[in-house]
Every structure is written in C-alpha cells, then in structure tokens.
Amino acid sequence: MPNIEFYESIDFNPIPIFTFNFEKNFITEEHVDAFAKLNYLKNARSSVQINHGYGDDILELETFKDLKKYFDEAINLYTNKILKIKNNFKMIHSWVTKNEKYSNHYLHTHDNIMLSAVAYFNEDLIDEEFSPILIYGKGLKTIFQDFNFELDVIEYNKYNSTSWTIFPKLKQIIVFPGHLLHESAINDSDKTRYCIGTNYFIEGEVGLSRYTRYNISISKTSKNE
C-alpha cells in the first residue's frame, strides 16, 4: 500500500456554527431576578416555558436592554470575521425560555429569519455543564446528495454527523443559521435553566450591481393589522 506523505482538509461551503465566549458574565443576578419574575406560558409541544405578555422583544425592555449589545457583537463577529461580509444584520426578535427539572425545548427551526443567537444560564449563575443544545443536519446525505444511503460510519465527525451536540457555558453566545433544526435536551438538574434567544435579518443596502442593488428596511407589523 502506498504511503501518503500528508493530506489537507478543504472545508468547502460548510455551515458555520460558532460559540463566542466573552471575558465577563454579561448576565447578572439582577437580570436573573427580573427574568424569574416574568410571566411564562408552557408551550403546547413541549415542557419549555416561554416569556408571555411582553411580545417577542424582551431585550427592548429597559431591564434587559444592556444585554442586547452582547448579542449584536456576536452577530457582528460571525458575519464580519467568520463569513467575511460587510452587510448589517438587525435583531428582530428576542425572548427568554426556562426549563425546570425534566423539561426540554422541542425540535424546531426559526422561520422568516436568517441568523439566531442564544445564551444559556442557570438560576444561580454557576458555570457548570448545562444540558446541551442539539443541532441537526444531513451529514453524509449532503456529501452524497443524489443518494439516500444509510452508510456505515467508523467514527462520527463534522463531515458525517447528522446532529451536533453543544454544551453551553456561561459568558457564551452561540450563533447559527436559523433554518437549522435544533432543540435542547432534558434538564436533569434541580436548577432552572434559562435561555435568551434572538433572531436577526439582513438590513440596509444589498447588491453590488447598480441594476440589482436595493435597500432592505425592517419594520414589524401587528397581528391585528
């Protein structure tokens, strides 16, 4: 058998999922107390509880407004430093969920948006292993996209996996394309686990040619309109 001197991996067109760890914990005890006092409504599809009565712009409330800049910074790093694009992305939704013991967040995608960013924390802000977030893809079905074989995997990696497990940490924001299926695992801790979720959409001038260049402006409408 011939010996290979070296090999190089060229990850062409992957789907980037990034975790950004900040120097300090941007979520304070005051934030946690305020989150705990919100009204929550249990989702019909799972045991996750979602903030209720404040719309879908929780980070616009004065109590939580200082958190928004951390999510914006994570999105800017993702688009400017990772994707290497100049376009601006604007936060259009923000909410908080909580999972008490033995509850989980159902499998879902985020419709009508482009990017999502989430941050996890527990009720006492202790940096420990949280129940993970699971993100799903097509694995080898993407590589062999004209076939639908169930292939015999030797060892799972980023090329052949159909799901990826991320164990969130304090001071961390996870950014991923919102079309990816994702869920959170069951919270088996006695502590309440919270998650701040945000969605982003492109805003401003798009297009390089003067014939196809246009401007996107984001405005939200009421369900009653």
C-alpha atoms as a PDB file:
ATOM      1  CA  MET A   1       0.000   0.000   0.000  1.00  0.00           C
ATOM      2  CA  PRO A   2       1.474   3.377  -0.978  1.00  0.00           C
ATOM      3  CA  ASN A   3       2.282   5.806   1.836  1.00  0.00           C
ATOM      4  CA  ILE A   4       0.631   9.234   1.807  1.00  0.00           C
ATOM      5  CA  GLU A   5       3.047  11.984   2.786  1.00  0.00           C
ATOM      6  CA  PHE A   6       0.352  14.362   4.055  1.00  0.00           C
ATOM      7  CA  TYR A   7      -3.250  15.339   3.417  1.00  0.00           C
ATOM      8  CA  GLU A   8      -5.189  18.589   3.705  1.00  0.00           C
ATOM      9  CA  SER A   9      -8.845  19.159   4.501  1.00  0.00           C
ATOM     10  CA  ILE A  10     -10.599  21.835   2.454  1.00  0.00           C
ATOM     11  CA  ASP A  11     -13.942  22.528   4.107  1.00  0.00           C
ATOM     12  CA  PHE A  12     -15.814  23.875   1.102  1.00  0.00           C
ATOM     13  CA  ASN A  13     -19.122  25.568   1.822  1.00  0.00           C
ATOM     14  CA  PRO A  14     -19.696  24.289   5.377  1.00  0.00           C
ATOM     15  CA  ILE A  15     -22.494  25.540   7.620  1.00  0.00           C
ATOM     16  CA  PRO A  16     -20.737  27.566  10.351  1.00  0.00           C
ATOM     17  CA  ILE A  17     -21.929  27.269  13.934  1.00  0.00           C
ATOM     18  CA  PHE A  18     -19.868  29.400  16.305  1.00  0.00           C
ATOM     19  CA  THR A  19     -19.596  29.897  20.054  1.00  0.00           C
ATOM     20  CA  PHE A  20     -18.322  33.246  21.313  1.00  0.00           C
ATOM     21  CA  ASN A  21     -17.010  33.443  24.881  1.00  0.00           C
ATOM     22  CA  PHE A  22     -16.909  36.872  26.499  1.00  0.00           C
ATOM     23  CA  GLU A  23     -14.424  37.957  29.187  1.00  0.00           C
ATOM     24  CA  LYS A  24     -17.111  38.558  31.778  1.00  0.00           C
ATOM     25  CA  ASN A  25     -20.514  37.135  32.530  1.00  0.00           C
ATOM     26  CA  PHE A  26     -22.860  39.662  30.929  1.00  0.00           C
ATOM     27  CA  ILE A  27     -25.881  38.200  32.771  1.00  0.00           C
ATOM     28  CA  THR A  28     -26.104  39.491  36.346  1.00  0.00           C
ATOM     29  CA  GLU A  29     -28.027  38.421  39.433  1.00  0.00           C
ATOM     30  CA  GLU A  30     -30.327  41.406  38.828  1.00  0.00           C
ATOM     31  CA  HIS A  31     -31.092  40.075  35.351  1.00  0.00           C
ATOM     32  CA  VAL A  32     -31.840  36.612  36.733  1.00  0.00           C
ATOM     33  CA  ASP A  33     -34.183  38.043  39.373  1.00  0.00           C
ATOM     34  CA  ALA A  34     -36.008  40.020  36.683  1.00  0.00           C
ATOM     35  CA  PHE A  35     -36.233  37.003  34.362  1.00  0.00           C
ATOM     36  CA  ALA A  36     -37.613  34.889  37.220  1.00  0.00           C
ATOM     37  CA  LYS A  37     -40.426  37.401  37.812  1.00  0.00           C
ATOM     38  CA  LEU A  38     -41.676  37.368  34.211  1.00  0.00           C
ATOM     39  CA  ASN A  39     -44.895  35.592  33.284  1.00  0.00           C
ATOM     40  CA  TYR A  40     -44.253  32.341  31.431  1.00  0.00           C
ATOM     41  CA  LEU A  41     -46.532  30.204  29.305  1.00  0.00           C
ATOM     42  CA  LYS A  42     -45.886  26.495  28.783  1.00  0.00           C
ATOM     43  CA  ASN A  43     -45.540  25.554  25.127  1.00  0.00           C
ATOM     44  CA  ALA A  44     -48.088  23.059  23.840  1.00  0.00           C
ATOM     45  CA  ARG A  45     -45.438  20.979  22.039  1.00  0.00           C
ATOM     46  CA  SER A  46     -43.073  20.530  24.982  1.00  0.00           C
ATOM     47  CA  SER A  47     -42.463  21.446  28.596  1.00  0.00           C
ATOM     48  CA  VAL A  48     -40.451  24.566  27.813  1.00  0.00           C
ATOM     49  CA  GLN A  49     -41.883  27.803  29.230  1.00  0.00           C
ATOM     50  CA  ILE A  50     -41.658  30.987  27.156  1.00  0.00           C
ATOM     51  CA  ASN A  51     -41.996  34.557  28.414  1.00  0.00           C
ATOM     52  CA  HIS A  52     -45.584  35.679  27.965  1.00  0.00           C
ATOM     53  CA  GLY A  53     -47.180  39.112  27.812  1.00  0.00           C
ATOM     54  CA  TYR A  54     -44.103  41.034  26.638  1.00  0.00           C
ATOM     55  CA  GLY A  55     -44.201  40.296  22.927  1.00  0.00           C
ATOM     56  CA  ASP A  56     -41.105  38.993  21.183  1.00  0.00           C
ATOM     57  CA  ASP A  57     -38.738  41.862  22.008  1.00  0.00           C
ATOM     58  CA  ILE A  58     -37.732  41.085  25.574  1.00  0.00           C
ATOM     59  CA  LEU A  59     -34.314  42.728  25.173  1.00  0.00           C
ATOM     60  CA  GLU A  60     -36.014  46.016  24.343  1.00  0.00           C
ATOM     61  CA  LEU A  61     -37.261  46.259  27.933  1.00  0.00           C
ATOM     62  CA  GLU A  62     -35.163  48.698  29.950  1.00  0.00           C
ATOM     63  CA  THR A  63     -34.256  45.974  32.464  1.00  0.00           C
ATOM     64  CA  PHE A  64     -32.562  43.838  29.809  1.00  0.00           C
ATOM     65  CA  LYS A  65     -31.518  46.428  27.215  1.00  0.00           C
ATOM     66  CA  ASP A  66     -27.831  46.261  28.208  1.00  0.00           C
ATOM     67  CA  LEU A  67     -27.744  42.574  27.143  1.00  0.00           C
ATOM     68  CA  LYS A  68     -28.571  43.389  23.523  1.00  0.00           C
ATOM     69  CA  LYS A  69     -25.080  44.736  22.740  1.00  0.00           C
ATOM     70  CA  TYR A  70     -23.501  41.347  23.529  1.00  0.00           C
ATOM     71  CA  PHE A  71     -25.749  39.544  21.046  1.00  0.00           C
ATOM     72  CA  ASP A  72     -25.151  42.250  18.431  1.00  0.00           C
ATOM     73  CA  GLU A  73     -21.397  41.879  18.937  1.00  0.00           C
ATOM     74  CA  ALA A  74     -21.578  38.093  18.490  1.00  0.00           C
ATOM     75  CA  ILE A  75     -23.552  38.527  15.250  1.00  0.00           C
ATOM     76  CA  ASN A  76     -21.082  41.156  14.010  1.00  0.00           C
ATOM     77  CA  LEU A  77     -18.150  38.823  14.712  1.00  0.00           C
ATOM     78  CA  TYR A  78     -19.951  35.982  12.929  1.00  0.00           C
ATOM     79  CA  THR A  79     -20.776  37.998   9.807  1.00  0.00           C
ATOM     80  CA  ASN A  80     -17.648  40.213   9.598  1.00  0.00           C
ATOM     81  CA  LYS A  81     -14.886  37.925  10.901  1.00  0.00           C
ATOM     82  CA  ILE A  82     -16.219  34.465  10.012  1.00  0.00           C
ATOM     83  CA  LEU A  83     -18.377  34.965   6.903  1.00  0.00           C
ATOM     84  CA  LYS A  84     -16.286  37.993   5.848  1.00  0.00           C
ATOM     85  CA  ILE A  85     -19.248  40.079   4.685  1.00  0.00           C
ATOM     86  CA  LYS A  86     -19.950  43.759   5.380  1.00  0.00           C
ATOM     87  CA  ASN A  87     -23.746  43.610   5.405  1.00  0.00           C
ATOM     88  CA  ASN A  88     -25.619  44.689   8.502  1.00  0.00           C
ATOM     89  CA  PHE A  89     -27.921  42.336  10.412  1.00  0.00           C
ATOM     90  CA  LYS A  90     -30.603  43.620  12.761  1.00  0.00           C
ATOM     91  CA  MET A  91     -32.154  41.896  15.772  1.00  0.00           C
ATOM     92  CA  ILE A  92     -35.855  41.407  15.054  1.00  0.00           C
ATOM     93  CA  HIS A  93     -36.925  39.033  17.865  1.00  0.00           C
ATOM     94  CA  SER A  94     -35.729  38.370  21.399  1.00  0.00           C
ATOM     95  CA  TRP A  95     -37.276  36.196  24.090  1.00  0.00           C
ATOM     96  CA  VAL A  96     -36.417  34.062  27.112  1.00  0.00           C
ATOM     97  CA  THR A  97     -37.362  30.488  27.925  1.00  0.00           C
ATOM     98  CA  LYS A  98     -36.972  28.466  31.077  1.00  0.00           C
ATOM     99  CA  ASN A  99     -36.661  24.752  31.637  1.00  0.00           C
ATOM    100  CA  GLU A 100     -37.299  23.381  35.071  1.00  0.00           C
ATOM    101  CA  LYS A 101     -36.182  19.870  36.013  1.00  0.00           C
ATOM    102  CA  TYR A 102     -37.128  17.155  33.476  1.00  0.00           C
ATOM    103  CA  SER A 103     -38.300  19.687  30.877  1.00  0.00           C
ATOM    104  CA  ASN A 104     -36.853  20.341  27.432  1.00  0.00           C
ATOM    105  CA  HIS A 105     -37.192  22.621  24.418  1.00  0.00           C
ATOM    106  CA  TYR A 106     -38.880  20.988  21.421  1.00  0.00           C
ATOM    107  CA  LEU A 107     -37.310  20.396  17.999  1.00  0.00           C
ATOM    108  CA  HIS A 108     -37.873  23.423  15.750  1.00  0.00           C
ATOM    109  CA  THR A 109     -36.477  25.962  13.299  1.00  0.00           C
ATOM    110  CA  HIS A 110     -36.843  29.755  13.253  1.00  0.00           C
ATOM    111  CA  ASP A 111     -38.988  30.896  10.337  1.00  0.00           C
ATOM    112  CA  ASN A 112     -38.562  34.093   8.288  1.00  0.00           C
ATOM    113  CA  ILE A 113     -35.156  34.961   9.742  1.00  0.00           C
ATOM    114  CA  MET A 114     -31.526  34.415   8.751  1.00  0.00           C
ATOM    115  CA  LEU A 115     -29.418  34.071  11.909  1.00  0.00           C
ATOM    116  CA  SER A 116     -30.093  33.086  15.503  1.00  0.00           C
ATOM    117  CA  ALA A 117     -28.040  33.701  18.651  1.00  0.00           C
ATOM    118  CA  VAL A 118     -28.711  32.121  22.055  1.00  0.00           C
ATOM    119  CA  ALA A 119     -27.202  32.246  25.549  1.00  0.00           C
ATOM    120  CA  TYR A 120     -27.827  29.801  28.414  1.00  0.00           C
ATOM    121  CA  PHE A 121     -27.572  30.289  32.166  1.00  0.00           C
ATOM    122  CA  ASN A 122     -28.938  28.742  35.336  1.00  0.00           C
ATOM    123  CA  GLU A 123     -30.731  30.374  38.235  1.00  0.00           C
ATOM    124  CA  ASP A 124     -27.613  30.782  40.402  1.00  0.00           C
ATOM    125  CA  LEU A 125     -25.188  31.753  37.594  1.00  0.00           C
ATOM    126  CA  ILE A 126     -22.753  28.963  38.422  1.00  0.00           C
ATOM    127  CA  ASP A 127     -20.582  27.893  35.495  1.00  0.00           C
ATOM    128  CA  GLU A 128     -21.289  24.195  35.186  1.00  0.00           C
ATOM    129  CA  GLU A 129     -22.328  21.768  32.480  1.00  0.00           C
ATOM    130  CA  PHE A 130     -25.786  22.665  31.199  1.00  0.00           C
ATOM    131  CA  SER A 131     -27.998  20.272  29.311  1.00  0.00           C
ATOM    132  CA  PRO A 132     -26.892  20.606  25.704  1.00  0.00           C
ATOM    133  CA  ILE A 133     -28.413  22.142  22.614  1.00  0.00           C
ATOM    134  CA  LEU A 134     -28.614  19.723  19.672  1.00  0.00           C
ATOM    135  CA  ILE A 135     -28.403  20.970  16.087  1.00  0.00           C
ATOM    136  CA  TYR A 136     -29.329  18.714  13.161  1.00  0.00           C
ATOM    137  CA  GLY A 137     -28.186  18.478   9.547  1.00  0.00           C
ATOM    138  CA  LYS A 138     -27.976  15.904   6.750  1.00  0.00           C
ATOM    139  CA  GLY A 139     -24.492  14.515   7.399  1.00  0.00           C
ATOM    140  CA  LEU A 140     -23.272  12.290   4.578  1.00  0.00           C
ATOM    141  CA  LYS A 141     -26.549  12.847   2.737  1.00  0.00           C
ATOM    142  CA  THR A 142     -25.214  16.323   1.949  1.00  0.00           C
ATOM    143  CA  ILE A 143     -21.963  14.909   0.568  1.00  0.00           C
ATOM    144  CA  PHE A 144     -23.709  12.157  -1.431  1.00  0.00           C
ATOM    145  CA  GLN A 145     -26.755  14.313  -2.067  1.00  0.00           C
ATOM    146  CA  ASP A 146     -28.113  12.315  -5.004  1.00  0.00           C
ATOM    147  CA  PHE A 147     -28.373   9.192  -2.844  1.00  0.00           C
ATOM    148  CA  ASN A 148     -30.056   8.327   0.430  1.00  0.00           C
ATOM    149  CA  PHE A 149     -27.840   5.513   1.687  1.00  0.00           C
ATOM    150  CA  GLU A 150     -27.507   4.642   5.357  1.00  0.00           C
ATOM    151  CA  LEU A 151     -23.710   4.434   5.412  1.00  0.00           C
ATOM    152  CA  ASP A 152     -21.603   2.566   7.961  1.00  0.00           C
ATOM    153  CA  VAL A 153     -19.771   5.251   9.955  1.00  0.00           C
ATOM    154  CA  ILE A 154     -16.421   4.363  11.556  1.00  0.00           C
ATOM    155  CA  GLU A 155     -16.243   7.441  13.780  1.00  0.00           C
ATOM    156  CA  TYR A 156     -18.587  10.422  13.840  1.00  0.00           C
ATOM    157  CA  ASN A 157     -17.169  13.798  12.850  1.00  0.00           C
ATOM    158  CA  LYS A 158     -18.314  17.063  11.266  1.00  0.00           C
ATOM    159  CA  TYR A 159     -18.472  15.501   7.807  1.00  0.00           C
ATOM    160  CA  ASN A 160     -20.708  12.502   8.503  1.00  0.00           C
ATOM    161  CA  SER A 161     -22.795  13.532  11.541  1.00  0.00           C
ATOM    162  CA  THR A 162     -26.494  14.265  11.242  1.00  0.00           C
ATOM    163  CA  SER A 163     -26.534  16.099  14.579  1.00  0.00           C
ATOM    164  CA  TRP A 164     -24.069  18.045  16.681  1.00  0.00           C
ATOM    165  CA  THR A 165     -24.204  18.483  20.448  1.00  0.00           C
ATOM    166  CA  ILE A 166     -23.073  21.733  22.054  1.00  0.00           C
ATOM    167  CA  PHE A 167     -22.689  22.041  25.813  1.00  0.00           C
ATOM    168  CA  PRO A 168     -23.327  25.732  26.566  1.00  0.00           C
ATOM    169  CA  LYS A 169     -21.306  27.688  29.121  1.00  0.00           C
ATOM    170  CA  LEU A 170     -21.772  30.917  30.999  1.00  0.00           C
ATOM    171  CA  LYS A 171     -20.417  34.038  29.235  1.00  0.00           C
ATOM    172  CA  GLN A 172     -21.091  32.310  25.913  1.00  0.00           C
ATOM    173  CA  ILE A 173     -23.320  33.139  22.937  1.00  0.00           C
ATOM    174  CA  ILE A 174     -23.980  30.524  20.249  1.00  0.00           C
ATOM    175  CA  VAL A 175     -24.674  31.739  16.695  1.00  0.00           C
ATOM    176  CA  PHE A 176     -26.111  29.566  13.915  1.00  0.00           C
ATOM    177  CA  PRO A 177     -28.273  29.878  10.780  1.00  0.00           C
ATOM    178  CA  GLY A 178     -31.905  29.883  11.898  1.00  0.00           C
ATOM    179  CA  HIS A 179     -33.044  27.308   9.333  1.00  0.00           C
ATOM    180  CA  LEU A 180     -31.186  24.512  11.153  1.00  0.00           C
ATOM    181  CA  LEU A 181     -33.330  22.149  13.190  1.00  0.00           C
ATOM    182  CA  HIS A 182     -32.415  22.373  16.865  1.00  0.00           C
ATOM    183  CA  GLU A 183     -33.650  21.507  20.343  1.00  0.00           C
ATOM    184  CA  SER A 184     -32.416  21.464  23.911  1.00  0.00           C
ATOM    185  CA  ALA A 185     -32.009  18.243  25.850  1.00  0.00           C
ATOM    186  CA  ILE A 186     -33.955  17.465  29.002  1.00  0.00           C
ATOM    187  CA  ASN A 187     -32.819  19.482  32.000  1.00  0.00           C
ATOM    188  CA  ASP A 188     -31.856  16.840  34.540  1.00  0.00           C
ATOM    189  CA  SER A 189     -30.600  19.392  37.069  1.00  0.00           C
ATOM    190  CA  ASP A 190     -32.534  20.628  40.095  1.00  0.00           C
ATOM    191  CA  LYS A 191     -31.760  24.173  38.922  1.00  0.00           C
ATOM    192  CA  THR A 192     -33.904  26.122  36.483  1.00  0.00           C
ATOM    193  CA  ARG A 193     -32.145  26.608  33.150  1.00  0.00           C
ATOM    194  CA  TYR A 194     -32.842  29.785  31.178  1.00  0.00           C
ATOM    195  CA  CYS A 195     -32.132  30.587  27.548  1.00  0.00           C
ATOM    196  CA  ILE A 196     -32.150  34.010  25.897  1.00  0.00           C
ATOM    197  CA  GLY A 197     -32.990  33.637  22.214  1.00  0.00           C
ATOM    198  CA  THR A 198     -32.621  36.193  19.415  1.00  0.00           C
ATOM    199  CA  ASN A 199     -33.248  36.306  15.676  1.00  0.00           C
ATOM    200  CA  TYR A 200     -31.593  38.516  13.059  1.00  0.00           C
ATOM    201  CA  PHE A 201     -32.378  39.572   9.497  1.00  0.00           C
ATOM    202  CA  ILE A 202     -30.295  41.471   6.955  1.00  0.00           C
ATOM    203  CA  GLU A 203     -30.904  45.225   6.748  1.00  0.00           C
ATOM    204  CA  GLY A 204     -29.610  48.031   4.551  1.00  0.00           C
ATOM    205  CA  GLU A 205     -28.134  48.042   1.080  1.00  0.00           C
ATOM    206  CA  VAL A 206     -27.850  44.680  -0.672  1.00  0.00           C
ATOM    207  CA  GLY A 207     -26.331  44.002  -4.079  1.00  0.00           C
ATOM    208  CA  LEU A 208     -23.148  45.039  -5.902  1.00  0.00           C
ATOM    209  CA  SER A 209     -24.550  45.932  -9.306  1.00  0.00           C
ATOM    210  CA  ARG A 210     -26.459  49.185  -9.746  1.00  0.00           C
ATOM    211  CA  TYR A 211     -29.102  47.181 -11.625  1.00  0.00           C
ATOM    212  CA  THR A 212     -29.780  44.789  -8.742  1.00  0.00           C
ATOM    213  CA  ARG A 213     -28.835  46.910  -5.723  1.00  0.00           C
ATOM    214  CA  TYR A 214     -31.659  47.690  -3.310  1.00  0.00           C
ATOM    215  CA  ASN A 215     -32.262  48.639   0.311  1.00  0.00           C
ATOM    216  CA  ILE A 216     -33.938  46.426   2.904  1.00  0.00           C
ATOM    217  CA  SER A 217     -35.709  48.162   5.763  1.00  0.00           C
ATOM    218  CA  ILE A 218     -37.074  46.154   8.709  1.00  0.00           C
ATOM    219  CA  SER A 219     -40.431  47.078  10.196  1.00  0.00           C
ATOM    220  CA  LYS A 220     -42.611  44.845  12.339  1.00  0.00           C
ATOM    221  CA  THR A 221     -46.363  44.640  11.934  1.00  0.00           C
ATOM    222  CA  SER A 222     -49.047  43.823  14.440  1.00  0.00           C
ATOM    223  CA  LYS A 223     -51.153  40.699  14.037  1.00  0.00           C
ATOM    224  CA  ASN A 224     -54.202  42.977  14.049  1.00  0.00           C
ATOM    225  CA  GLU A 225     -53.045  44.911  11.007  1.00  0.00           C
END
